């Protein structure tokens, strides 16, 4: 019976460790996610500017291209955040688990 209680306590402690590290990783990943988002946005707008300088009817193309660039970048924000947060969380979790465990 004591063995079950100890196992339950260990599982609870491990869950708390995982959740705490996940919250910390999400918080710390916001800056690199924002930097990546901004970089991709600037890159897309630069492509549009270069394209519009090489094509006739450049104003209409630039407006539509800018809108498409922003929409494309927005569609990747969750994926960018996930791939930045996941390794950060794993690193925190594994290093903390070694210290605690």
Protein backbone atom coordinates (compact mmCIF):
# COMPACT_ATOMS: atom_id res chain seq x y z
CA UNK A 1 0.00 0.00 0.00
CA UNK A 2 2.82 2.42 0.85
CA UNK A 3 4.40 1.54 -2.49
CA UNK A 4 1.26 2.72 -4.33
CA UNK A 5 1.20 5.97 -2.37
CA UNK A 6 4.87 6.61 -3.16
CA UNK A 7 4.26 5.86 -6.85
CA UNK A 8 1.28 8.23 -6.91
CA UNK A 9 3.31 10.95 -5.23
CA UNK A 10 6.15 10.42 -7.70
CA UNK A 11 3.74 10.62 -10.67
CA UNK A 12 2.20 13.80 -9.26
CA UNK A 13 5.63 15.31 -8.71
CA UNK A 14 6.67 14.41 -12.26
CA UNK A 15 3.45 15.91 -13.69
CA UNK A 16 4.01 19.14 -11.73
CA UNK A 17 7.59 19.25 -13.00
CA UNK A 18 6.45 18.80 -16.60
CA UNK A 19 3.71 21.42 -16.36
CA UNK A 20 5.92 23.94 -14.60
CA UNK A 21 8.66 23.51 -17.18
CA UNK A 22 6.13 23.77 -20.01
CA UNK A 23 4.82 27.09 -18.67
CA UNK A 24 8.39 28.37 -18.30
CA UNK A 25 9.29 27.20 -21.82
CA UNK A 26 6.22 28.88 -23.35
CA UNK A 27 7.06 32.12 -21.56
CA UNK A 28 10.71 32.04 -22.63
CA UNK A 29 9.87 31.01 -26.21
CA UNK A 30 7.76 34.11 -26.87
CA UNK A 31 10.76 36.30 -27.71
CA UNK A 32 12.40 33.91 -30.22
CA UNK A 33 8.96 33.21 -31.71
CA UNK A 34 8.32 36.93 -32.15
CA UNK A 35 11.77 37.41 -33.69
CA UNK A 36 11.19 34.56 -36.13
CA UNK A 37 7.72 35.86 -36.98
CA UNK A 38 9.08 39.35 -37.60
CA UNK A 39 11.94 38.05 -39.73
CA UNK A 40 9.61 36.00 -41.91
CA UNK A 41 7.27 38.98 -42.26
CA UNK A 42 10.08 41.28 -43.36
CA UNK A 43 11.36 38.63 -45.75
CA UNK A 44 7.93 38.28 -47.36
CA UNK A 45 7.51 42.04 -47.71
CA UNK A 46 10.99 42.34 -49.26
CA UNK A 47 10.06 39.72 -51.83
CA UNK A 48 6.93 41.72 -52.66
CA UNK A 49 8.91 44.95 -52.98
CA UNK A 50 11.44 43.30 -55.31
CA UNK A 51 8.66 41.73 -57.38
CA UNK A 52 6.77 45.01 -57.72
CA UNK A 53 9.88 46.81 -58.92
CA UNK A 54 10.23 44.32 -61.79
CA UNK A 55 6.62 44.16 -62.97
CA UNK A 56 4.24 46.62 -64.63
CA UNK A 57 1.11 47.46 -62.63
CA UNK A 58 3.32 47.27 -59.55
CA UNK A 59 0.93 49.03 -57.11
CA UNK A 60 -1.81 46.44 -57.45
CA UNK A 61 0.64 43.53 -57.33
CA UNK A 62 2.45 44.96 -54.29
CA UNK A 63 -0.77 45.41 -52.32
CA UNK A 64 -1.92 41.86 -53.05
CA UNK A 65 1.54 40.43 -52.47
CA UNK A 66 1.90 42.23 -49.13
CA UNK A 67 -1.45 40.87 -48.02
CA UNK A 68 -0.50 37.34 -49.12
CA UNK A 69 2.87 37.61 -47.35
CA UNK A 70 1.22 38.62 -44.05
CA UNK A 71 -1.42 35.89 -44.37
CA UNK A 72 1.23 33.26 -45.05
CA UNK A 73 3.37 34.35 -42.11
CA UNK A 74 0.32 34.41 -39.79
CA UNK A 75 -0.55 30.86 -40.80
CA UNK A 76 2.83 29.64 -39.50
CA UNK A 77 2.83 31.37 -36.10
CA UNK A 78 1.61 28.31 -34.16
CA UNK A 79 4.05 26.02 -35.93
CA UNK A 80 6.92 28.43 -35.26
CA UNK A 81 5.97 28.67 -31.59
CA UNK A 82 5.66 24.90 -31.28
CA UNK A 83 9.08 24.17 -32.76
CA UNK A 84 10.73 26.77 -30.57
CA UNK A 85 8.86 25.81 -27.37
CA UNK A 86 9.20 22.02 -27.65
CA UNK A 87 13.02 21.79 -27.49
CA UNK A 88 13.11 24.47 -24.79
CA UNK A 89 10.62 22.51 -22.70
CA UNK A 90 12.48 19.22 -23.20
CA UNK A 91 15.76 20.85 -22.22
CA UNK A 92 14.25 22.35 -19.04
CA UNK A 93 12.44 19.15 -18.15
CA UNK A 94 15.41 16.85 -18.64
CA UNK A 95 17.87 19.12 -16.82
CA UNK A 96 15.46 19.63 -13.91
CA UNK A 97 14.62 15.93 -13.72
CA UNK A 98 18.33 15.10 -13.39
CA UNK A 99 18.65 17.55 -10.49
CA UNK A 100 15.45 16.41 -8.74
CA UNK A 101 15.57 12.71 -9.54
